[in-house]
Structures are given as C-alpha cells and as structure tokens.
Amino acid sequence: MPAKCWKVVAVVDGGEGGPADAAKIGPRTRLIGVVMPNDQSVGHGWAKFRVSVRDVETLTGYQFFEPRAGRDHRPAQGSRGHGACPGQSVPADGD
C-alpha cells in the first residue's frame, strides 16, 4: 500500500462538475494540491497537507495542466492554494 496519496483540485467558478468545466480553467484558476499520509490519521484535517500543484507534479511525474493552442493557459502552480478549503476555515496565519 502506498505511504502517501495525493489530490489536485481546480476551483472553477460557475463549475457544474462536468467535462465542460475544463474549458473554464485559466491562468487565474485557484488550484489546491494535497499530499497526505495514506492512513486514517488525516480525518477532516487534510488542509494542513496542502502543497503546490508543482510539488504534486514532481512527486508523481504527471503534468496536470498543459498549454493550449500555443499559449500558456495553465493556472499558476507555485502556490499552496492559500485561503479556505471546502469545509475548512482559514488558519490564523492565512495559509
């Protein structure tokens, strides 16, 4: 069993959860990357395991957002996804 699991989330304004949402991803799309232990210790506290999407790409070898039509429409990937996560409050340090 893997020691870690990961997720990459694109927060799409006006998204409906379907394939058409992919077209709404652009340079200003908020991304959340998470690498957490693959065990029951995480519970609802997954937000403390946030990392940049670039960190998840390095770990996995995957590239999640590719340039389209010769222009780079990828979201910024260096941030740890600051701000509140779904079901979480913003920690006091803003991270």
N, C-alpha and C. Protein backbone atom coordinates (compact mmCIF):
# COMPACT_ATOMS: atom_id res chain seq x y z
N MET A 1 0.85 -1.16 0.00
CA MET A 1 0.00 0.00 0.00
C MET A 1 0.90 1.24 0.00
N PRO A 2 0.59 2.23 -0.84
CA PRO A 2 1.38 3.47 -0.87
C PRO A 2 1.33 4.20 0.47
N ALA A 3 2.45 4.82 0.84
CA ALA A 3 2.52 5.56 2.10
C ALA A 3 1.81 6.90 2.02
N LYS A 4 1.65 7.44 0.79
CA LYS A 4 1.03 8.76 0.61
C LYS A 4 -0.02 8.67 -0.49
N CYS A 5 -1.00 9.57 -0.40
CA CYS A 5 -1.93 9.76 -1.51
C CYS A 5 -1.96 11.25 -1.82
N TRP A 6 -2.44 11.60 -3.00
CA TRP A 6 -2.40 13.00 -3.43
C TRP A 6 -3.68 13.35 -4.17
N LYS A 7 -3.93 14.65 -4.23
CA LYS A 7 -5.07 15.20 -4.98
C LYS A 7 -4.65 16.52 -5.57
N VAL A 8 -5.23 16.84 -6.72
CA VAL A 8 -5.11 18.16 -7.32
C VAL A 8 -6.53 18.62 -7.62
N VAL A 9 -6.88 19.80 -7.11
CA VAL A 9 -8.23 20.33 -7.28
C VAL A 9 -8.14 21.68 -7.98
N ALA A 10 -8.93 21.86 -9.04
CA ALA A 10 -9.09 23.15 -9.70
C ALA A 10 -10.44 23.71 -9.24
N VAL A 11 -10.41 24.87 -8.61
CA VAL A 11 -11.64 25.50 -8.12
C VAL A 11 -12.18 26.35 -9.27
N VAL A 12 -13.24 25.88 -9.90
CA VAL A 12 -13.79 26.50 -11.11
C VAL A 12 -15.03 27.30 -10.75
N ASP A 13 -14.94 28.64 -10.92
CA ASP A 13 -16.11 29.49 -10.68
C ASP A 13 -17.21 29.13 -11.67
N GLY A 14 -18.39 28.92 -11.17
CA GLY A 14 -19.52 28.58 -12.02
C GLY A 14 -19.45 27.17 -12.56
N GLY A 15 -18.59 26.35 -11.99
CA GLY A 15 -18.45 24.96 -12.45
C GLY A 15 -19.66 24.13 -12.08
N GLU A 16 -19.93 23.14 -12.91
CA GLU A 16 -21.06 22.25 -12.67
C GLU A 16 -20.62 20.82 -12.40
N GLY A 17 -19.29 20.59 -12.39
CA GLY A 17 -18.80 19.25 -12.10
C GLY A 17 -18.73 18.33 -13.30
N GLY A 18 -18.85 18.88 -14.49
CA GLY A 18 -18.81 18.05 -15.70
C GLY A 18 -17.61 18.36 -16.56
N PRO A 19 -17.47 17.64 -17.67
CA PRO A 19 -16.32 17.83 -18.57
C PRO A 19 -16.19 19.24 -19.14
N ALA A 20 -17.28 19.97 -19.29
CA ALA A 20 -17.23 21.33 -19.84
C ALA A 20 -16.47 22.28 -18.92
N ASP A 21 -16.34 21.94 -17.66
CA ASP A 21 -15.62 22.80 -16.72
C ASP A 21 -14.15 22.94 -17.07
N ALA A 22 -13.57 21.96 -17.75
CA ALA A 22 -12.15 22.02 -18.13
C ALA A 22 -11.85 23.25 -18.98
N ALA A 23 -12.80 23.67 -19.81
CA ALA A 23 -12.61 24.84 -20.66
C ALA A 23 -12.58 26.14 -19.85
N LYS A 24 -13.04 26.10 -18.62
CA LYS A 24 -13.09 27.29 -17.78
C LYS A 24 -11.79 27.50 -16.98
N ILE A 25 -10.86 26.54 -17.07
CA ILE A 25 -9.60 26.64 -16.33
C ILE A 25 -8.66 27.56 -17.08
N GLY A 26 -8.12 28.55 -16.38
CA GLY A 26 -7.21 29.52 -16.99
C GLY A 26 -6.18 29.99 -15.99
N PRO A 27 -5.42 31.02 -16.35
CA PRO A 27 -4.33 31.50 -15.51
C PRO A 27 -4.75 31.97 -14.12
N ARG A 28 -6.01 32.33 -13.94
CA ARG A 28 -6.46 32.83 -12.63
C ARG A 28 -7.21 31.79 -11.82
N THR A 29 -7.27 30.56 -12.32
CA THR A 29 -7.97 29.49 -11.61
C THR A 29 -7.20 29.11 -10.35
N ARG A 30 -7.90 29.01 -9.24
CA ARG A 30 -7.28 28.61 -7.98
C ARG A 30 -7.07 27.10 -7.98
N LEU A 31 -5.87 26.69 -7.62
CA LEU A 31 -5.53 25.27 -7.55
C LEU A 31 -5.20 24.89 -6.11
N ILE A 32 -5.54 23.68 -5.76
CA ILE A 32 -5.20 23.14 -4.45
C ILE A 32 -4.51 21.80 -4.69
N GLY A 33 -3.28 21.67 -4.19
CA GLY A 33 -2.56 20.41 -4.22
C GLY A 33 -2.46 19.88 -2.81
N VAL A 34 -2.59 18.56 -2.65
CA VAL A 34 -2.51 17.94 -1.34
C VAL A 34 -1.72 16.64 -1.46
N VAL A 35 -0.76 16.44 -0.56
CA VAL A 35 -0.06 15.16 -0.41
C VAL A 35 -0.18 14.79 1.06
N MET A 36 -0.85 13.67 1.34
CA MET A 36 -1.13 13.32 2.73
C MET A 36 -0.84 11.85 2.98
N PRO A 37 -0.67 11.49 4.25
CA PRO A 37 -0.45 10.08 4.57
C PRO A 37 -1.66 9.25 4.13
N ASN A 38 -1.39 8.06 3.67
CA ASN A 38 -2.45 7.16 3.23
C ASN A 38 -2.89 6.30 4.41
N ASP A 39 -3.47 6.96 5.41
CA ASP A 39 -3.95 6.25 6.60
C ASP A 39 -5.11 7.04 7.22
N GLN A 40 -5.65 6.52 8.29
CA GLN A 40 -6.82 7.12 8.93
C GLN A 40 -6.50 8.34 9.78
N SER A 41 -5.23 8.73 9.90
CA SER A 41 -4.86 9.84 10.77
C SER A 41 -5.28 11.20 10.23
N VAL A 42 -5.55 11.30 8.94
CA VAL A 42 -5.85 12.60 8.32
C VAL A 42 -7.22 13.11 8.73
N GLY A 43 -8.23 12.28 8.71
CA GLY A 43 -9.58 12.70 9.07
C GLY A 43 -10.02 13.90 8.24
N HIS A 44 -10.60 14.92 8.91
CA HIS A 44 -11.05 16.12 8.23
C HIS A 44 -9.96 17.19 8.17
N GLY A 45 -8.77 16.90 8.69
CA GLY A 45 -7.70 17.89 8.75
C GLY A 45 -6.76 17.88 7.55
N TRP A 46 -7.29 17.55 6.37
CA TRP A 46 -6.43 17.42 5.19
C TRP A 46 -5.81 18.74 4.75
N ALA A 47 -6.38 19.88 5.11
CA ALA A 47 -5.88 21.18 4.64
C ALA A 47 -4.44 21.44 5.09
N LYS A 48 -4.02 20.87 6.20
CA LYS A 48 -2.65 21.10 6.66
C LYS A 48 -1.62 20.38 5.80
N PHE A 49 -2.07 19.53 4.88
CA PHE A 49 -1.17 18.81 4.00
C PHE A 49 -1.09 19.45 2.60
N ARG A 50 -1.60 20.69 2.48
CA ARG A 50 -1.56 21.37 1.17
C ARG A 50 -0.13 21.62 0.72
N VAL A 51 0.10 21.43 -0.56
CA VAL A 51 1.37 21.71 -1.22
C VAL A 51 1.05 22.37 -2.55
N SER A 52 2.05 22.83 -3.27
CA SER A 52 1.78 23.38 -4.60
C SER A 52 1.48 22.25 -5.58
N VAL A 53 0.76 22.56 -6.64
CA VAL A 53 0.50 21.58 -7.69
C VAL A 53 1.82 21.14 -8.30
N ARG A 54 2.76 22.07 -8.42
CA ARG A 54 4.08 21.72 -8.95
C ARG A 54 4.74 20.63 -8.08
N ASP A 55 4.56 20.71 -6.76
CA ASP A 55 5.09 19.66 -5.87
C ASP A 55 4.44 18.31 -6.17
N VAL A 56 3.14 18.30 -6.42
CA VAL A 56 2.45 17.05 -6.76
C VAL A 56 2.96 16.52 -8.10
N GLU A 57 3.16 17.43 -9.07
CA GLU A 57 3.70 17.02 -10.37
C GLU A 57 5.09 16.39 -10.22
N THR A 58 5.93 16.99 -9.38
CA THR A 58 7.27 16.45 -9.16
C THR A 58 7.20 15.07 -8.53
N LEU A 59 6.32 14.91 -7.55
CA LEU A 59 6.17 13.63 -6.86
C LEU A 59 5.67 12.54 -7.80
N THR A 60 4.69 12.87 -8.65
CA THR A 60 4.02 11.86 -9.47
C THR A 60 4.60 11.68 -10.87
N GLY A 61 5.28 12.72 -11.37
CA GLY A 61 5.75 12.68 -12.75
C GLY A 61 4.68 13.08 -13.76
N TYR A 62 3.50 13.45 -13.29
CA TYR A 62 2.41 13.89 -14.16
C TYR A 62 2.48 15.40 -14.37
N GLN A 63 1.95 15.87 -15.51
CA GLN A 63 1.74 17.29 -15.74
C GLN A 63 0.23 17.47 -15.85
N PHE A 64 -0.35 18.22 -14.93
CA PHE A 64 -1.80 18.30 -14.84
C PHE A 64 -2.44 19.32 -15.78
N PHE A 65 -1.76 20.40 -16.09
CA PHE A 65 -2.35 21.44 -16.91
C PHE A 65 -1.37 21.79 -18.02
N GLU A 66 -1.73 21.43 -19.25
CA GLU A 66 -0.85 21.67 -20.39
C GLU A 66 -1.26 22.94 -21.12
N PRO A 67 -0.29 23.59 -21.80
CA PRO A 67 -0.64 24.77 -22.61
C PRO A 67 -1.59 24.36 -23.74
N ARG A 68 -2.47 25.29 -24.13
CA ARG A 68 -3.40 25.04 -25.24
C ARG A 68 -3.14 26.00 -26.38
N ALA A 69 -3.22 25.53 -27.59
CA ALA A 69 -3.15 26.34 -28.81
C ALA A 69 -1.95 27.28 -28.81
N GLY A 70 -0.81 26.78 -28.38
CA GLY A 70 0.42 27.56 -28.44
C GLY A 70 0.55 28.64 -27.38
N ARG A 71 -0.48 28.85 -26.57
CA ARG A 71 -0.42 29.85 -25.49
C ARG A 71 -0.55 29.13 -24.17
N ASP A 72 0.07 29.68 -23.16
CA ASP A 72 0.03 29.05 -21.85
C ASP A 72 -1.20 29.51 -21.09
N HIS A 73 -2.19 28.64 -21.01
CA HIS A 73 -3.43 28.93 -20.27
C HIS A 73 -3.45 28.22 -18.94
N ARG A 74 -2.29 27.69 -18.54
CA ARG A 74 -2.24 26.96 -17.28
C ARG A 74 -2.40 27.90 -16.10
N PRO A 75 -3.05 27.42 -15.05
CA PRO A 75 -3.11 28.21 -13.82
C PRO A 75 -1.72 28.30 -13.20
N ALA A 76 -1.51 29.30 -12.37
CA ALA A 76 -0.27 29.41 -11.62
C ALA A 76 -0.17 28.21 -10.68
N GLN A 77 0.97 27.53 -10.68
CA GLN A 77 1.06 26.27 -9.95
C GLN A 77 2.00 26.32 -8.77
N GLY A 78 2.61 27.45 -8.48
CA GLY A 78 3.59 27.51 -7.40
C GLY A 78 3.00 27.74 -6.03
N SER A 79 1.77 28.16 -5.94
CA SER A 79 1.14 28.49 -4.66
C SER A 79 0.64 27.22 -3.96
N ARG A 80 0.52 27.30 -2.65
CA ARG A 80 -0.03 26.18 -1.88
C ARG A 80 -1.55 26.27 -1.77
N GLY A 81 -2.19 27.12 -2.56
CA GLY A 81 -3.65 27.21 -2.50
C GLY A 81 -4.14 27.88 -1.25
N HIS A 82 -3.60 29.05 -0.94
CA HIS A 82 -3.98 29.77 0.28
C HIS A 82 -5.47 30.04 0.32
N GLY A 83 -5.98 30.20 1.52
CA GLY A 83 -7.39 30.50 1.71
C GLY A 83 -8.12 29.29 2.22
N ALA A 84 -9.39 29.47 2.45
CA ALA A 84 -10.21 28.39 2.99
C ALA A 84 -10.40 27.30 1.95
N CYS A 85 -10.37 26.09 2.41
CA CYS A 85 -10.69 24.94 1.58
C CYS A 85 -12.12 24.54 1.89
N PRO A 86 -12.77 23.84 0.97
CA PRO A 86 -14.14 23.42 1.26
C PRO A 86 -14.22 22.69 2.59
N GLY A 87 -15.11 23.13 3.46
CA GLY A 87 -15.28 22.51 4.76
C GLY A 87 -14.25 22.89 5.79
N GLN A 88 -13.37 23.86 5.46
CA GLN A 88 -12.30 24.25 6.38
C GLN A 88 -12.38 25.76 6.60
N SER A 89 -11.92 26.22 7.74
CA SER A 89 -11.80 27.66 7.97
C SER A 89 -10.36 28.07 7.66
N VAL A 90 -10.15 29.35 7.42
CA VAL A 90 -8.80 29.85 7.13
C VAL A 90 -8.01 29.87 8.42
N PRO A 91 -6.82 29.19 8.46
CA PRO A 91 -6.00 29.23 9.66
C PRO A 91 -5.55 30.65 9.96
N ALA A 92 -5.16 30.90 11.21
CA ALA A 92 -4.80 32.24 11.65
C ALA A 92 -3.64 32.83 10.86
N ASP A 93 -2.71 31.99 10.36
CA ASP A 93 -1.57 32.51 9.61
C ASP A 93 -1.91 32.76 8.15
N GLY A 94 -3.17 32.53 7.74
CA GLY A 94 -3.60 32.79 6.37
C GLY A 94 -3.21 31.71 5.40
N ASP A 95 -2.60 30.63 5.86
CA ASP A 95 -2.15 29.56 4.98
C ASP A 95 -3.11 28.42 5.07
